[in-house]
Amino acid sequence: IDRVLAVVAGDLIMLSDVNAARSFGLVTPGAAPDPTREILSRLIDRSLILAEVDRFAPPEPEAADVDRGLQTVRARFPSAEAFAEALARVGIDARHLRETLRQDLRIRAYLDQRFTIVPPSEEELGRYYRERAEAFTRNGDLVPFEAARQEVVQAVTADRRRAVVEDWLAGLRRRAAIVDLYVR
């Protein structure tokens, strides 16, 4: 039996959506104390982002990219039968999963297009490296800055982008009609 967990601007998010996201590794709850809550929150955000994506229509992803995504998901299962059983258990078919993966690629393209981050300065890179030395330590030794430079650039850029996207998402959440019905 399925149930509605949230309504996001008219878009229903069902318990089966949460189960599918978990079963196929589309959303991982990490060490969240309530995995269903964590996945539901991420699906609410996804719904809000998709509404924005639909308004601005980024280019369609290549079919080969969607196929690769589907193959990646299939590879998480020990056999084709196990994959088919998981699809049946959550009540979707491969076409539905493929569409979800296509939408995820559209979201990624939209976010990449919308949230371009200015490259960090040398001073910012140095500060980030010093303040997070443990992230650049291997086998107990701090990797020299020049050897870790590209990793530092990627980390700074990812942190900045995550912060900008989170602020944007908070604005979307404030403006949207969200009815969250989930009770643990």
Protein backbone atom coordinates (compact mmCIF):
# COMPACT_ATOMS: atom_id res chain seq x y z
CA ILE A 1 0.00 0.00 0.00
CA ASP A 2 1.37 3.39 -1.02
CA ARG A 3 0.85 6.70 0.72
CA VAL A 4 1.38 10.36 0.01
CA LEU A 5 4.29 11.77 2.02
CA ALA A 6 4.35 15.28 0.57
CA VAL A 7 2.74 17.57 -1.95
CA VAL A 8 5.10 20.07 -3.53
CA ALA A 9 3.34 22.72 -5.61
CA GLY A 10 0.87 20.07 -6.72
CA ASP A 11 3.50 17.36 -7.29
CA LEU A 12 2.88 14.24 -5.17
CA ILE A 13 5.77 12.48 -3.49
CA MET A 14 4.76 8.98 -2.49
CA LEU A 15 6.30 6.46 -0.13
CA SER A 16 7.05 4.39 -3.26
CA ASP A 17 9.14 7.31 -4.60
CA VAL A 18 11.21 7.31 -1.41
CA ASN A 19 11.59 3.53 -1.57
CA ALA A 20 12.61 3.66 -5.24
CA ALA A 21 15.17 6.41 -4.58
CA ARG A 22 16.68 4.31 -1.78
CA SER A 23 16.51 0.95 -3.61
CA PHE A 24 18.21 2.23 -6.75
CA GLY A 25 20.78 4.42 -5.00
CA LEU A 26 19.38 7.62 -6.48
CA VAL A 27 19.38 9.28 -3.06
CA THR A 28 21.49 8.05 -0.19
CA PRO A 29 20.45 9.01 3.32
CA GLY A 30 23.95 8.69 4.74
CA ALA A 31 23.93 8.25 8.50
CA ALA A 32 20.66 10.15 8.97
CA PRO A 33 18.72 8.98 12.03
CA ASP A 34 15.54 8.82 9.93
CA PRO A 35 16.49 7.75 6.38
CA THR A 36 12.95 8.19 5.10
CA ARG A 37 12.90 11.82 6.29
CA GLU A 38 16.28 12.51 4.70
CA ILE A 39 15.29 11.01 1.35
CA LEU A 40 11.91 12.75 1.41
CA SER A 41 13.59 16.11 2.05
CA ARG A 42 15.90 15.53 -0.89
CA LEU A 43 12.95 14.53 -3.11
CA ILE A 44 11.09 17.69 -2.06
CA ASP A 45 14.14 19.72 -3.11
CA ARG A 46 14.35 17.75 -6.35
CA SER A 47 10.71 18.53 -7.13
CA LEU A 48 11.30 22.25 -6.55
CA ILE A 49 14.39 22.22 -8.73
CA LEU A 50 12.59 20.31 -11.50
CA ALA A 51 9.90 22.98 -11.58
CA GLU A 52 12.65 25.55 -12.21
CA VAL A 53 14.31 23.31 -14.79
CA ASP A 54 11.00 23.01 -16.64
CA ARG A 55 10.65 26.80 -16.70
CA PHE A 56 14.08 27.36 -18.25
CA ALA A 57 14.39 24.14 -20.32
CA PRO A 58 18.09 23.30 -20.48
CA PRO A 59 19.15 21.14 -23.43
CA GLU A 60 17.99 17.54 -23.34
CA PRO A 61 20.63 15.08 -22.17
CA GLU A 62 22.08 12.71 -24.72
CA ALA A 63 20.36 9.31 -24.84
CA ALA A 64 23.77 7.68 -24.36
CA ASP A 65 24.20 9.57 -21.06
CA VAL A 66 20.81 8.34 -19.85
CA ASP A 67 21.73 4.81 -20.95
CA ARG A 68 24.99 5.02 -18.98
CA GLY A 69 23.07 6.14 -15.91
CA LEU A 70 20.68 3.22 -16.26
CA GLN A 71 23.59 0.80 -16.67
CA THR A 72 25.19 2.22 -13.51
CA VAL A 73 21.99 1.61 -11.57
CA ARG A 74 21.61 -1.91 -13.01
CA ALA A 75 25.21 -2.69 -12.04
CA ARG A 76 24.31 -2.14 -8.37
CA PHE A 77 22.36 -5.40 -8.49
CA PRO A 78 23.92 -8.87 -8.64
CA SER A 79 21.76 -9.98 -11.57
CA ALA A 80 19.15 -8.86 -14.08
CA GLU A 81 16.60 -10.81 -12.05
CA ALA A 82 17.50 -8.93 -8.86
CA PHE A 83 17.14 -5.65 -10.74
CA ALA A 84 13.72 -6.71 -12.12
CA GLU A 85 12.63 -7.79 -8.63
CA ALA A 86 13.63 -4.40 -7.21
CA LEU A 87 11.65 -2.63 -9.93
CA ALA A 88 8.60 -4.77 -9.14
CA ARG A 89 9.02 -4.31 -5.37
CA VAL A 90 8.88 -0.51 -5.63
CA GLY A 91 6.21 -0.55 -8.31
CA ILE A 92 8.02 1.08 -11.24
CA ASP A 93 9.34 -0.13 -14.56
CA ALA A 94 12.65 0.49 -16.33
CA ARG A 95 11.05 3.23 -18.46
CA HIS A 96 10.04 5.15 -15.29
CA LEU A 97 13.54 4.74 -13.85
CA ARG A 98 15.06 5.92 -17.14
CA GLU A 99 12.85 9.03 -17.05
CA THR A 100 13.98 9.76 -13.49
CA LEU A 101 17.61 9.48 -14.58
CA ARG A 102 16.92 11.78 -17.56
CA GLN A 103 15.42 14.36 -15.22
CA ASP A 104 18.44 14.08 -12.92
CA LEU A 105 20.71 14.86 -15.87
CA ARG A 106 18.54 17.85 -16.77
CA ILE A 107 18.83 19.08 -13.17
CA ARG A 108 22.61 18.71 -13.25
CA ALA A 109 22.84 20.62 -16.56
CA TYR A 110 20.61 23.40 -15.21
CA LEU A 111 22.61 23.75 -11.99
CA ASP A 112 25.88 23.77 -13.94
CA GLN A 113 24.53 26.47 -16.23
CA ARG A 114 22.93 28.58 -13.51
CA PHE A 115 25.56 28.38 -10.77
CA THR A 116 28.94 29.10 -12.28
CA ILE A 117 31.43 29.74 -9.50
CA VAL A 118 34.25 32.26 -9.77
CA PRO A 119 37.61 30.51 -9.38
CA PRO A 120 39.12 30.99 -5.92
CA SER A 121 42.16 33.20 -5.43
CA GLU A 122 45.54 31.81 -4.33
CA GLU A 123 44.95 33.32 -0.89
CA GLU A 124 41.59 31.55 -0.57
CA LEU A 125 43.12 28.27 -1.67
CA GLY A 126 45.93 28.57 0.87
CA ARG A 127 43.54 29.42 3.68
CA TYR A 128 41.23 26.51 2.82
CA TYR A 129 44.21 24.12 2.67
CA ARG A 130 45.52 25.27 6.07
CA GLU A 131 42.10 25.25 7.78
CA ARG A 132 41.24 21.76 6.50
CA ALA A 133 44.65 20.10 6.60
CA GLU A 134 43.11 16.78 7.69
CA ALA A 135 41.31 16.54 4.34
CA PHE A 136 44.68 16.68 2.58
CA THR A 137 46.51 14.24 4.82
CA ARG A 138 47.41 10.81 3.47
CA ASN A 139 48.83 8.06 5.67
CA GLY A 140 49.47 10.59 8.44
CA ASP A 141 51.39 13.03 6.21
CA LEU A 142 50.10 16.34 4.93
CA VAL A 143 50.24 16.36 1.13
CA PRO A 144 52.24 19.42 -0.02
CA PHE A 145 50.03 22.25 -1.24
CA GLU A 146 51.24 22.09 -4.84
CA ALA A 147 50.52 18.36 -5.02
CA ALA A 148 47.06 18.89 -3.51
CA ARG A 149 46.30 22.14 -5.36
CA GLN A 150 43.79 20.70 -7.86
CA GLU A 151 41.97 18.84 -5.07
CA VAL A 152 41.86 22.08 -3.03
CA VAL A 153 40.45 24.01 -6.01
CA GLN A 154 37.76 21.35 -6.48
CA ALA A 155 36.88 21.34 -2.77
CA VAL A 156 36.64 25.14 -2.53
CA THR A 157 34.56 25.33 -5.69
CA ALA A 158 32.25 22.52 -4.53
CA ASP A 159 31.77 24.14 -1.11
CA ARG A 160 30.97 27.52 -2.66
CA ARG A 161 28.55 26.02 -5.14
CA ARG A 162 26.84 23.94 -2.45
CA ALA A 163 26.32 27.07 -0.33
CA VAL A 164 24.89 29.06 -3.27
CA VAL A 165 22.56 26.23 -4.29
CA GLU A 166 21.42 25.72 -0.68
CA ASP A 167 20.55 29.43 -0.39
CA TRP A 168 18.67 29.29 -3.69
CA LEU A 169 16.82 26.15 -2.59
CA ALA A 170 15.87 27.77 0.71
CA GLY A 171 14.29 30.58 -1.31
CA LEU A 172 12.40 28.06 -3.46
CA ARG A 173 11.14 26.33 -0.32
CA ARG A 174 9.93 29.64 1.16
CA ARG A 175 7.99 30.52 -1.99
CA ALA A 176 6.52 27.09 -2.72
CA ALA A 177 3.38 25.49 -1.38
CA ILE A 178 4.73 22.41 0.38
CA VAL A 179 2.55 20.08 2.41
CA ASP A 180 4.75 17.63 4.27
CA LEU A 181 2.65 14.75 5.59
CA TYR A 182 5.42 12.47 6.78
CA VAL A 183 5.21 11.28 10.36
CA ARG A 184 7.71 8.72 11.52
